[in-house]
Protein backbone atom coordinates (compact mmCIF):
# COMPACT_ATOMS: atom_id res chain seq x y z
CA MET A 1 58.48 21.80 39.35
CA ASN A 2 55.41 19.81 40.69
CA ASP A 3 54.33 21.06 44.04
CA ASN A 4 50.62 19.45 44.39
CA TYR A 5 52.00 17.77 47.22
CA TYR A 6 51.58 21.23 48.79
CA ASN A 7 47.59 20.82 48.92
CA GLY A 8 48.02 17.97 51.10
CA TYR A 9 47.54 13.87 51.26
CA GLU A 10 44.47 12.05 50.96
CA ASP A 11 43.54 10.91 54.63
CA GLU A 12 41.41 7.73 53.16
CA MET A 13 43.69 5.15 52.02
CA GLU A 14 41.75 2.96 49.18
CA ILE A 15 42.38 -0.61 49.41
CA ASP A 16 43.22 -2.93 46.86
CA LEU A 17 41.12 -5.77 46.88
CA ILE A 18 43.67 -7.67 44.38
CA ASP A 19 46.31 -7.05 46.43
CA LEU A 20 44.30 -8.11 49.49
CA MET A 21 42.99 -11.47 47.65
CA PHE A 22 46.52 -12.26 46.52
CA ASP A 23 47.79 -11.24 50.14
CA LEU A 24 45.44 -14.24 51.72
CA MET A 25 46.44 -16.63 49.34
CA ARG A 26 50.13 -16.48 50.29
CA HIS A 27 48.97 -17.75 53.57
CA TRP A 28 47.86 -20.94 52.33
CA ARG A 29 49.54 -22.76 54.58
CA SER A 30 48.25 -21.22 57.38
CA LEU A 31 44.93 -21.67 56.20
CA ILE A 32 45.35 -25.26 55.82
CA VAL A 33 46.23 -25.55 59.74
CA ALA A 34 43.05 -23.73 60.61
CA ILE A 35 40.93 -26.11 58.42
CA ILE A 36 42.53 -28.79 60.36
CA ILE A 37 41.99 -27.46 63.38
CA GLY A 38 38.49 -26.54 62.43
CA ALA A 39 37.66 -30.24 61.65
CA ILE A 40 39.20 -31.22 65.12
CA VAL A 41 36.88 -28.35 66.70
CA GLY A 42 33.95 -29.41 64.78
CA GLY A 43 34.45 -33.42 66.01
CA GLY A 44 34.51 -31.95 69.62
CA ILE A 45 31.26 -30.38 69.26
CA TYR A 46 29.83 -33.21 67.39
CA VAL A 47 31.00 -36.02 70.47
CA VAL A 48 29.54 -33.03 73.08
CA LYS A 49 26.45 -32.75 70.95
CA LYS A 50 25.93 -36.33 70.72
CA THR A 51 26.80 -37.36 74.24
CA SER A 52 24.43 -34.38 75.93
CA ALA A 53 21.78 -36.00 73.38
CA GLU A 54 22.24 -39.51 74.55
CA LYS A 55 21.84 -38.40 77.90
CA ALA A 56 18.67 -36.44 77.44
CA ALA A 57 17.23 -39.64 75.74
CA VAL A 58 18.23 -41.58 78.71
CA GLN A 59 16.56 -38.92 80.94
CA GLU A 60 13.41 -38.83 78.66
CA ASP A 61 12.87 -42.63 79.10
CA ASP A 62 13.34 -42.80 82.69
CA GLN A 63 10.72 -39.93 82.77
CA GLU A 64 8.44 -41.76 80.86
CA ALA A 65 8.78 -44.81 82.78
CA SER A 66 8.67 -43.02 86.19
CA LYS A 67 5.35 -42.20 85.03
CA LEU A 68 3.63 -45.43 85.63
CA PRO A 69 2.31 -46.26 89.18
CA GLU A 70 3.97 -49.13 91.25
CA ASP A 71 0.63 -50.28 92.10
CA TYR A 72 -0.68 -50.10 88.44
CA GLU A 73 -1.97 -53.48 87.24
CA VAL A 74 -3.59 -53.75 83.67
CA ASN A 75 -6.97 -54.84 83.54
CA PRO A 76 -7.58 -58.34 81.39
CA ASP A 77 -10.00 -57.15 79.04
CA VAL A 78 -7.80 -53.53 78.29
CA GLU A 79 -4.63 -56.03 77.84
CA ALA A 80 -6.96 -58.22 75.25
CA ASN A 81 -7.75 -54.92 73.37
CA MET A 82 -3.96 -53.87 73.61
CA GLU A 83 -3.22 -56.96 71.63
CA LEU A 84 -5.68 -56.87 69.48
CA ALA A 85 -4.91 -52.65 69.02
CA TYR A 86 -1.15 -54.49 68.10
CA GLN A 87 -1.91 -56.81 65.71
CA TYR A 88 -4.37 -54.37 63.95
CA ARG A 89 -1.29 -51.78 63.92
CA GLN A 90 1.21 -55.03 62.33
CA LEU A 91 -1.44 -55.23 59.59
CA TYR A 92 -2.11 -51.71 58.78
CA PHE A 93 1.87 -51.63 58.19
CA ARG A 94 1.92 -54.59 56.40
CA GLN A 95 -0.95 -53.35 53.98
CA LEU A 96 0.81 -49.62 54.05
CA GLU A 97 3.95 -51.50 52.78
CA TYR A 98 1.83 -53.60 50.11
CA ASN A 99 0.23 -50.28 48.83
CA GLN A 100 3.25 -48.30 48.45
CA LYS A 101 5.42 -50.94 46.99
CA SER A 102 2.99 -53.00 44.54
CA ILE A 103 2.91 -52.32 40.99
CA VAL A 104 -0.84 -53.44 40.79
CA MET A 105 -1.14 -50.10 43.08
CA GLN A 106 0.41 -48.45 40.45
CA LEU A 107 -1.37 -49.67 37.54
CA ASN A 108 -3.87 -47.48 35.56
CA PRO A 109 -6.84 -49.76 34.55
CA ASN A 110 -7.84 -48.03 31.66
CA ALA A 111 -4.45 -48.44 30.21
CA VAL A 112 -2.90 -51.60 30.70
CA TYR A 113 -0.70 -53.64 28.69
CA SER A 114 -1.06 -57.19 28.78
CA GLY A 115 1.23 -59.88 26.93
CA GLU A 116 0.51 -63.08 25.89
CA LEU A 117 3.25 -66.21 24.92
CA LYS A 118 1.13 -69.47 24.12
CA TYR A 119 2.56 -72.94 23.31
CA TYR A 120 1.23 -76.00 22.33
CA VAL A 121 3.06 -79.02 23.95
CA SER A 122 2.70 -82.76 23.35
CA ALA A 123 4.48 -85.47 24.64
CA GLY A 124 1.90 -88.67 24.98
CA TYR A 125 1.56 -90.15 28.34
CA ASP A 126 4.08 -87.42 29.82
CA THR A 127 2.32 -84.38 28.51
CA GLY A 128 0.95 -83.70 31.98
CA LEU A 129 4.75 -83.77 33.50
CA ILE A 130 5.75 -81.70 30.77
CA SER A 131 3.02 -79.38 30.95
CA ILE A 132 3.99 -78.91 35.24
CA LEU A 133 7.60 -78.53 33.78
CA TYR A 134 6.55 -75.59 31.69
CA GLN A 135 4.38 -73.94 34.34
CA ASN A 136 7.50 -74.15 36.98
CA ILE A 137 9.53 -71.98 35.29
CA LEU A 138 8.05 -68.82 36.69
CA SER A 139 8.40 -70.28 40.16
CA ASP A 140 12.32 -69.91 40.10
CA SER A 141 13.44 -66.75 41.88
CA ASN A 142 16.28 -66.16 39.55
CA VAL A 143 13.83 -65.99 36.65
CA LEU A 144 11.83 -63.71 38.98
CA ALA A 145 14.75 -61.35 39.35
CA GLU A 146 15.59 -61.53 35.72
CA LEU A 147 11.87 -60.49 34.92
CA GLN A 148 12.04 -57.61 37.81
CA GLU A 149 15.47 -56.23 35.58
CA ALA A 150 14.35 -56.30 32.32
CA SER A 151 10.83 -54.65 33.12
CA GLN A 152 12.92 -51.80 34.52
CA LEU A 153 10.40 -51.34 37.59
CA ASP A 154 11.45 -50.07 40.44
CA CYS A 155 10.29 -53.03 43.05
CA GLU A 156 11.29 -56.01 44.79
CA PRO A 157 11.53 -59.36 42.61
CA SER A 158 8.51 -60.86 44.68
CA TYR A 159 6.07 -58.27 43.43
CA ILE A 160 6.57 -59.41 40.18
CA LYS A 161 4.80 -62.32 40.65
CA GLU A 162 1.23 -60.33 40.60
CA LEU A 163 2.21 -59.45 37.19
CA ILE A 164 2.96 -62.76 35.61
CA GLY A 165 0.52 -65.96 35.41
CA CYS A 166 0.59 -69.07 33.44
CA SER A 167 -2.45 -71.73 32.80
CA ILE A 168 -2.47 -75.18 31.20
CA SER A 169 -5.33 -76.14 29.32
CA SER A 170 -5.15 -79.79 28.03
CA GLU A 171 -6.97 -82.75 26.48
CA SER A 172 -7.44 -86.05 28.05
CA ASP A 173 -8.11 -89.56 26.05
CA ALA A 174 -10.04 -92.38 28.15
CA SER A 175 -8.28 -95.65 28.12
CA VAL A 176 -8.80 -98.77 30.41
CA ASN A 177 -7.79 -99.06 33.74
CA ILE A 178 -3.92 -100.49 33.87
CA ASN A 179 -4.55 -102.30 37.46
CA ASN A 180 -5.21 -105.96 35.60
CA MET A 181 -5.82 -107.09 39.22
CA MET A 182 -9.33 -105.60 39.30
CA SER A 183 -12.71 -107.48 38.49
CA SER A 184 -14.62 -106.17 35.29
CA SER A 185 -17.01 -104.79 37.83
CA GLU A 186 -14.58 -102.91 39.06
CA GLU A 187 -13.05 -101.59 35.92
CA SER A 188 -12.98 -97.35 35.44
CA ALA A 189 -11.93 -95.48 32.96
CA ALA A 190 -8.38 -93.36 33.14
CA PHE A 191 -7.86 -90.10 31.90
CA VAL A 192 -4.63 -89.47 30.35
CA THR A 193 -3.72 -85.79 29.31
CA LYS A 194 -2.14 -86.33 25.52
CA ASN A 195 -1.65 -82.43 24.54
CA ALA A 196 -1.82 -79.21 26.42
CA ALA A 197 -1.77 -75.61 25.61
CA VAL A 198 0.63 -73.68 27.83
CA THR A 199 -0.46 -70.00 28.20
CA TYR A 200 2.00 -67.25 29.54
CA SER A 201 0.90 -63.66 30.34
CA VAL A 202 2.80 -60.64 31.68
CA VAL A 203 1.48 -57.49 32.68
CA SER A 204 2.93 -53.76 32.76
CA THR A 205 3.06 -50.31 32.70
CA SER A 206 4.60 -49.99 28.98
CA GLU A 207 4.68 -51.96 25.88
CA GLU A 208 8.45 -52.57 26.33
CA SER A 209 8.21 -53.52 29.00
CA CYS A 210 5.87 -56.26 28.42
CA GLU A 211 8.11 -57.18 25.51
CA GLN A 212 11.29 -57.77 27.55
CA MET A 213 9.26 -60.17 30.03
CA LEU A 214 8.00 -62.08 27.36
CA GLU A 215 11.28 -62.08 25.74
CA ILE A 216 12.87 -63.44 29.39
CA ILE A 217 10.22 -66.40 29.61
CA ARG A 218 10.70 -67.19 26.20
CA LYS A 219 14.30 -68.06 26.32
CA LYS A 220 13.72 -70.01 29.57
CA VAL A 221 11.45 -71.96 27.29
CA ALA A 222 13.94 -72.99 24.38
CA GLU A 223 16.08 -73.97 27.50
CA LEU A 224 13.59 -76.42 28.81
CA ASP A 225 12.60 -77.23 24.71
CA ALA A 226 15.86 -78.36 24.36
CA GLU A 227 16.34 -80.58 27.75
CA CYS A 228 12.92 -82.29 26.78
CA ALA A 229 13.72 -82.69 23.28
CA GLN A 230 17.04 -84.83 24.67
CA GLY A 231 15.05 -86.09 27.18
CA GLY A 232 13.76 -88.94 25.00
CA TYR A 233 9.84 -88.59 25.49
CA GLU A 234 7.31 -89.93 23.55
CA THR A 235 6.14 -88.03 20.09
CA TYR A 236 7.61 -84.89 22.12
CA ARG A 237 7.28 -81.32 20.49
CA ALA A 238 6.19 -77.46 21.80
CA LEU A 239 5.45 -75.14 19.21
CA GLU A 240 4.31 -71.03 20.06
CA VAL A 241 0.73 -70.45 18.75
CA ASN A 242 0.64 -66.92 19.79
CA ASP A 243 2.91 -63.72 21.07
CA ALA A 244 0.67 -60.47 21.56
CA VAL A 245 0.92 -57.60 23.16
CA ARG A 246 -2.01 -55.16 23.50
CA LEU A 247 -3.42 -52.32 25.71
CA VAL A 248 -6.24 -53.18 27.38
CA THR A 249 -8.88 -51.45 29.86
CA ASN A 250 -9.03 -54.11 32.85
CA ASN A 251 -11.60 -52.97 36.05
CA ASP A 252 -9.99 -56.17 37.88
CA TYR A 253 -7.30 -54.12 38.76
CA LEU A 254 -9.36 -50.79 39.63
CA ASN A 255 -11.58 -52.99 42.00
CA ARG A 256 -7.85 -54.74 43.59
CA GLN A 257 -6.55 -51.01 43.88
CA LYS A 258 -9.96 -50.36 46.12
CA ALA A 259 -9.98 -53.37 48.22
CA ASN A 260 -6.47 -52.87 49.29
CA ILE A 261 -7.54 -48.95 50.13
CA ASP A 262 -10.19 -50.00 52.00
CA GLN A 263 -8.45 -52.55 53.89
CA LEU A 264 -5.66 -50.16 55.33
CA SER A 265 -8.56 -47.83 55.76
CA THR A 266 -10.21 -50.42 57.99
CA TYR A 267 -6.95 -51.33 60.09
CA LEU A 268 -6.43 -47.69 60.58
CA SER A 269 -9.61 -47.45 61.95
CA ASN A 270 -9.46 -50.28 64.02
CA VAL A 271 -6.65 -49.27 65.59
CA GLN A 272 -7.45 -45.55 66.42
CA ARG A 273 -10.68 -46.85 67.76
CA LEU A 274 -9.45 -49.32 70.12
CA GLU A 275 -6.09 -46.96 71.38
CA ALA A 276 -8.99 -44.64 72.15
CA THR A 277 -10.73 -46.75 74.74
CA PHE A 278 -7.39 -46.62 76.81
CA GLU A 279 -6.98 -44.08 79.23
CA GLU A 280 -3.76 -42.62 80.62
CA ASP A 281 -2.09 -45.01 82.59
CA ASP A 282 -2.81 -47.88 80.09
CA LEU A 283 -1.75 -45.55 77.11
CA ILE A 284 1.55 -45.66 79.00
CA TYR A 285 1.37 -49.59 79.41
CA TYR A 286 0.79 -49.77 75.98
CA ASN A 287 3.44 -47.70 74.94
CA GLU A 288 6.24 -49.65 77.07
CA THR A 289 4.92 -53.37 76.59
CA TYR A 290 3.46 -53.40 72.65
CA LEU A 291 4.58 -50.25 70.75
CA ALA A 292 8.04 -50.83 72.42
CA ARG A 293 8.06 -54.07 70.38
CA GLU A 294 8.32 -52.32 67.12
CA TYR A 295 11.23 -50.27 68.08
CA GLU A 296 13.18 -53.36 68.59
CA MET A 297 11.97 -54.84 65.47
CA GLU A 298 13.05 -51.82 63.36
CA GLU A 299 16.63 -51.99 65.12
CA GLU A 300 16.96 -55.30 64.77
CA SER A 301 16.23 -55.10 61.16
CA SER A 302 18.64 -51.95 60.96
CA GLU A 303 21.28 -54.21 62.90
CA LEU A 304 20.71 -56.77 59.94
CA LEU A 305 21.08 -54.27 57.24
CA GLY A 306 24.01 -52.81 58.43
CA THR A 307 22.70 -49.39 58.55
CA ALA A 308 24.41 -46.96 61.19
CA GLY A 309 20.80 -45.21 62.17
CA ALA A 310 19.75 -48.34 64.46
CA GLU A 311 22.88 -47.48 66.59
CA GLU A 312 22.09 -44.17 67.20
CA GLY A 313 18.63 -44.40 68.19
CA PRO A 314 16.56 -41.77 68.69
CA VAL A 315 19.79 -39.28 68.88
CA SER A 316 20.29 -37.43 65.40
CA VAL A 317 23.14 -35.53 65.65
CA ASN A 318 24.74 -35.08 62.02
CA PRO A 319 28.44 -35.14 62.26
CA VAL A 320 28.93 -33.62 58.86
CA LYS A 321 27.43 -30.73 59.47
CA TRP A 322 29.29 -29.80 62.83
CA LEU A 323 32.44 -30.65 61.09
CA VAL A 324 31.63 -28.32 58.23
CA ILE A 325 30.65 -25.31 60.91
CA GLY A 326 34.19 -25.99 62.64
CA ILE A 327 36.31 -25.57 59.57
CA PHE A 328 33.67 -22.36 58.02
CA LEU A 329 34.12 -20.90 61.75
CA LEU A 330 37.72 -21.23 61.52
CA CYS A 331 38.63 -20.27 58.04
CA VAL A 332 36.26 -16.85 59.16
CA CYS A 333 38.89 -16.47 62.13
CA TRP A 334 41.57 -17.04 59.78
CA GLY A 335 40.68 -14.52 57.11
CA GLY A 336 39.18 -11.70 59.59
CA TYR A 337 42.84 -12.05 61.50
CA PHE A 338 44.96 -11.78 58.06
CA MET A 339 42.84 -9.04 56.51
CA LEU A 340 43.05 -6.99 59.90
CA LYS A 341 46.66 -7.59 59.63
CA TYR A 342 46.75 -6.03 56.40
CA LEU A 343 44.76 -3.12 57.26
CA LEU A 344 46.66 -2.25 60.38
CA ASP A 345 50.15 -2.81 58.27
CA LYS A 346 51.67 0.50 57.40
CA HIS A 347 53.87 -0.62 54.85
CA ILE A 348 53.16 0.79 51.00
CA LYS A 349 52.16 -2.29 49.29
CA THR A 350 51.01 -0.71 46.16
CA SER A 351 52.31 1.88 43.56
CA ASP A 352 48.63 3.50 44.13
CA GLU A 353 49.21 4.15 47.49
CA VAL A 354 51.64 6.20 46.50
CA LYS A 355 49.49 8.51 44.13
CA ASN A 356 47.45 9.33 46.72
CA TYR A 357 49.79 11.75 48.36
CA ARG A 358 49.34 13.37 45.09
CA ILE A 359 53.08 12.61 43.81
CA PRO A 360 53.67 11.97 40.62
CA LEU A 361 54.46 8.23 39.84
CA ILE A 362 58.05 8.40 37.35
CA GLY A 363 57.93 4.78 37.37
CA CYS A 364 57.82 1.34 38.91
CA LEU A 365 61.11 -0.68 39.42
CA GLU A 366 61.08 -4.74 39.71
CA GLY A 367 62.69 -5.13 42.77
CA GLN A 368 64.97 -8.81 43.87
CA LYS A 369 63.13 -11.44 42.74
CA LYS A 370 62.73 -14.05 45.10
CA GLN A 371 63.10 -17.46 44.64
CA TYR A 372 59.20 -19.52 44.93
CA LYS A 373 58.25 -23.14 44.55
CA GLY A 374 55.39 -25.31 43.70
CA LEU A 375 51.86 -23.46 44.74
CA ASP A 376 53.89 -20.12 46.19
CA ALA A 377 55.30 -19.91 42.36
CA LEU A 378 52.03 -19.98 41.11
CA ILE A 379 50.57 -17.55 43.18
CA GLU A 380 53.52 -15.27 42.52
CA LYS A 381 53.09 -15.47 38.89
CA LEU A 382 49.04 -14.72 38.95
CA ALA A 383 49.79 -11.71 41.07
CA ARG A 384 52.26 -10.26 38.91
CA ARG A 385 49.92 -10.72 35.51
CA THR A 386 47.29 -8.23 37.85
CA LYS A 387 50.25 -5.44 37.83
CA SER A 388 51.58 -3.16 35.20
CA PRO A 389 54.77 -4.30 33.85
CA ALA A 390 58.02 -2.89 35.25
CA ASP A 391 59.96 0.13 33.86
CA SER A 392 63.96 -0.07 32.75
CA GLU A 393 66.46 1.66 34.53
CA ASP A 394 67.41 3.32 31.69
CA TYR A 395 63.85 4.56 31.22
CA ILE A 396 63.64 5.61 34.95
CA ALA A 397 66.93 7.45 34.18
CA ALA A 398 65.92 9.28 31.04
CA SER A 399 62.34 10.80 32.76
CA ILE A 400 64.40 11.83 35.50
CA GLU A 401 66.89 13.61 33.23
CA ALA A 402 64.12 15.43 31.11
CA MET A 403 62.93 16.90 34.12
CA ASP A 404 63.15 20.72 34.57
CA ALA A 405 65.48 20.91 37.62
CA LYS A 406 69.24 21.64 37.39
CA GLU A 407 70.19 19.61 40.25
CA ILE A 408 67.93 16.32 41.49
CA LEU A 409 68.32 14.41 44.76
CA LEU A 410 67.50 11.13 44.68
CA CYS A 411 66.54 10.37 48.36
CA GLY A 412 65.94 6.46 49.69
CA ASP A 413 67.09 4.30 52.21
CA LEU A 414 70.98 3.77 51.79
CA LYS A 415 71.23 1.19 54.53
CA ASP A 416 69.30 -1.14 52.70
CA GLU A 417 71.83 -2.88 49.90
CA ALA A 418 69.21 -3.15 47.11
CA THR A 419 67.61 0.05 47.40
CA ARG A 420 71.55 1.73 47.15
CA LYS A 421 72.52 -0.66 44.41
CA VAL A 422 69.14 0.91 42.17
CA MET A 423 70.24 4.72 43.50
CA ASN A 424 73.89 4.05 42.50
CA SER A 425 73.06 2.37 38.92
CA LEU A 426 70.59 5.45 38.24
CA LYS A 427 73.06 7.97 39.45
CA GLU A 428 75.88 6.27 36.87
CA LYS A 429 73.38 6.70 34.06
CA CYS A 430 71.97 10.01 34.67
CA ALA A 431 75.13 12.84 35.95
CA ARG A 432 72.26 15.08 37.45
CA ILE A 433 71.38 12.80 40.03
CA GLU A 434 72.93 12.73 43.14
CA ILE A 435 72.00 10.20 46.17
CA SER A 436 71.18 10.89 49.92
CA GLU A 437 69.04 9.69 52.49
CA TYR A 438 65.87 11.41 53.36
CA PRO A 439 65.76 14.74 54.66
CA GLY A 440 63.73 14.27 57.70
CA GLN A 441 65.83 11.54 58.91
CA ASN A 442 69.39 13.23 58.20
CA SER A 443 70.45 16.31 59.06
CA GLU A 444 73.27 16.53 56.15
CA ALA A 445 70.53 15.21 53.62
CA LEU A 446 68.18 18.49 54.53
CA GLU A 447 71.16 20.74 53.77
CA ARG A 448 71.78 19.51 50.41
CA ALA A 449 67.93 19.04 49.32
CA GLY A 450 67.23 22.57 50.11
CA GLU A 451 69.27 23.70 47.04
CA ARG A 452 67.94 20.89 44.76
CA ALA A 453 64.53 19.16 43.71
CA LEU A 454 63.84 15.90 45.47
CA VAL A 455 63.16 12.72 43.96
CA PHE A 456 61.63 9.65 46.67
CA LEU A 457 62.83 6.03 45.90
CA VAL A 458 59.72 4.09 47.93
CA GLN A 459 60.40 0.65 48.36
CA ILE A 460 56.82 -1.61 48.26
CA GLY A 461 56.79 -3.49 51.96
CA LYS A 462 59.57 -1.69 53.62
CA THR A 463 58.66 1.81 53.35
CA THR A 464 55.79 2.80 55.64
CA ARG A 465 52.82 5.61 54.84
CA THR A 466 54.33 7.36 57.87
CA GLU A 467 57.54 7.59 56.45
CA LEU A 468 56.23 8.97 53.38
CA GLN A 469 54.13 11.26 55.09
CA ARG A 470 56.69 12.55 57.33
CA GLU A 471 59.09 13.39 54.33
CA LEU A 472 56.37 15.40 52.56
CA GLU A 473 55.60 17.51 56.02
CA VAL A 474 59.62 18.37 56.36
CA CYS A 475 59.61 19.51 52.44
CA ARG A 476 56.37 21.60 52.93
CA MET A 477 58.21 23.57 55.92
CA GLN A 478 61.13 23.87 54.62
CA LYS A 479 59.64 24.65 50.92
CA ILE A 480 61.53 21.95 49.02
CA GLY A 481 59.92 21.15 45.53
CA VAL A 482 59.26 17.45 45.05
CA LEU A 483 59.59 16.14 41.34
CA GLY A 484 57.93 12.43 41.91
CA ALA A 485 58.63 8.65 43.30
CA VAL A 486 60.09 5.96 41.80
CA VAL A 487 58.27 2.49 43.22
CA MET A 488 60.40 -0.20 43.23
């Protein structure tokens, strides 16, 4: 007979983190409610923050406006300098935008890829007109968009104009003036273009980019060539005489880059020099009258682009941030509540808790199964995989039968139908077993237990730690031996 429990039981109970995790997962419905409430709370905080920020911005604007004296009058010379400073600011911003977006400013002058496509065009007296048609290919906005896409450069199509060019060199024949009404003294030589060389040039940052841009131009020239061939022009013909891409060094781009940088610096220094001459009241007037134009222009451009930032103005409250904060706080409260509820729950939750009382664990029986659906069924399936497989009633009965005791009293909660059914089943399979209530809860059971060895039937989720401790205390005082426990 095992008397280890007489040495006492462990006061500190270990927490099964896996069981705690699955206990939290079983409350997933309340988690969804917590998330919804958290989103509502976060949205409310966002509205309050946004309203406060808007009020603060209005108050700040009112304070700024109130700083200007009522009797202030701007000096005409100072106002002229303000207008000049404002114009320099606009030039500075335009130059800054150009320096940031222009591909010319990004080129390496020592490694420029230059492509050339040259055609020989001849159409008699119509050669000049045909040459203009060839030149106008690069003026088409659709062609510029195609060239920008083919170049794989991160820029607007308008900046592609700086990277392409078309030049025409022509040969002319002298002829007699076609106006027969002129006198011989008024006769003059008229020069008519009979043939021309049309040269397209492209510049880019890579050889592949140059070749793709030339291919776009080549397709457009082929389309124009087909139209001209069908247009009935006299002796029309167009021949491609050169197609090349090469890596060159071009200091002209270096000079242009320096010039643009110097121009930007000049505009900035002029703005700073003029604004430095303004006194305190002049600066307030300058900000309200001139710099306010920039804010209005930014708001108008933002509205045209459909951006939400223009509507908010100076208020920068992020709604996503407060939604996340609200949801996080409610989830923390939800988790804290159910963790505290789990820790304060006095019911025995795992078979390991029974071992902490130094009672031998005879075996584990599977209780009455509940029908779960959907996510609940998945959670219960995963929870069972983390536990040891249940023992059969035959195994439990055989284990009790093999114990060294003449008479065994199986104690449990007979008021519970599932418990009573299991106890009766074990009694039928083992003749030495008698069933009874817990000896600490029934005087008749206590008298019967004095002559027998006890086996406790502990039901997970229903038997409390306090009840089990009480039974062990009674057995210790009455010197009743406990063989072990069966967990259901």
